[in-house]
Protein backbone atom coordinates (compact mmCIF):
# COMPACT_ATOMS: atom_id res chain seq x y z
CA MET A 1 86.16 -60.43 -20.82
CA ILE A 2 83.15 -62.74 -20.84
CA ILE A 3 80.24 -61.61 -18.70
CA ILE A 4 76.93 -63.08 -17.65
CA ARG A 5 74.03 -61.09 -19.02
CA SER A 6 71.94 -60.88 -15.85
CA ALA A 7 68.95 -59.24 -17.57
CA VAL A 8 68.83 -62.19 -19.96
CA VAL A 9 69.13 -64.64 -17.05
CA LYS A 10 66.09 -62.96 -15.48
CA ALA A 11 64.14 -63.43 -18.72
CA TRP A 12 65.10 -67.12 -18.78
CA MET A 13 64.06 -67.38 -15.11
CA HIS A 14 60.63 -66.08 -16.04
CA GLU A 15 60.39 -68.60 -18.91
CA ALA A 16 61.37 -71.41 -16.51
CA GLY A 17 58.77 -70.34 -13.94
CA ILE A 18 61.37 -69.30 -11.39
CA ALA A 19 59.99 -66.43 -9.30
CA ASP A 20 63.14 -64.78 -7.96
CA GLN A 21 66.87 -65.07 -7.40
CA ARG A 22 66.41 -66.87 -4.07
CA GLU A 23 64.46 -69.63 -5.81
CA LEU A 24 67.10 -69.82 -8.53
CA ALA A 25 69.84 -70.08 -5.89
CA GLU A 26 67.98 -72.98 -4.27
CA LYS A 27 67.65 -74.79 -7.59
CA LEU A 28 71.36 -74.22 -8.30
CA GLY A 29 72.32 -75.46 -4.84
CA VAL A 30 74.21 -72.27 -3.96
CA HIS A 31 73.75 -69.58 -1.35
CA TYR A 32 71.89 -66.46 -2.48
CA THR A 33 74.98 -64.27 -1.99
CA HIS A 34 77.01 -66.60 -4.23
CA LEU A 35 74.37 -66.31 -6.96
CA SER A 36 74.40 -62.54 -6.57
CA ALA A 37 78.18 -62.54 -7.09
CA ILE A 38 77.75 -64.68 -10.22
CA LEU A 39 75.08 -62.41 -11.69
CA ASN A 40 77.16 -59.32 -10.92
CA ASN A 41 80.20 -60.88 -12.63
CA ARG A 42 82.29 -60.94 -9.47
CA ARG A 43 82.52 -64.73 -9.37
CA THR A 44 81.91 -66.74 -12.50
CA SER A 45 83.09 -70.21 -13.46
CA LEU A 46 82.24 -72.73 -16.14
CA GLN A 47 80.61 -74.82 -13.43
CA ALA A 48 78.31 -71.91 -12.56
CA VAL A 49 77.43 -71.39 -16.23
CA ASP A 50 76.80 -75.14 -16.57
CA ARG A 51 74.42 -75.14 -13.59
CA LEU A 52 72.61 -72.02 -14.79
CA CYS A 53 72.07 -73.53 -18.23
CA ALA A 54 70.87 -76.83 -16.79
CA VAL A 55 68.32 -75.16 -14.51
CA LEU A 56 67.15 -72.56 -17.03
CA GLY A 57 67.17 -74.84 -20.07
CA CYS A 58 69.39 -72.53 -22.11
CA GLN A 59 72.75 -72.60 -23.87
CA PRO A 60 75.86 -70.72 -22.66
CA GLY A 61 75.65 -68.37 -25.64
CA ASP A 62 72.19 -67.33 -24.49
CA ILE A 63 73.44 -65.86 -21.21
CA LEU A 64 77.08 -64.94 -21.92
CA ARG A 65 78.53 -61.96 -23.75
CA TYR A 66 82.06 -61.08 -24.81
CA VAL A 67 83.09 -57.53 -23.91
CA PRO A 68 86.55 -56.39 -25.06
CA GLU A 69 88.64 -55.07 -22.18
């Protein structure tokens, strides 16, 4: 299973000058609860990863991790 490394996303948020998850949700154009689901690996898509990388200025490999099931 591929998961989003939320602690790493938070570090990238800090680097990008994004104060909190609400601000990140606004920049992504999604509702805060949708972002929460993404960061908690309940709802993840390539489109979400694409948006995160665009806003944070990172690569998918920076925020994703493979975990064997």
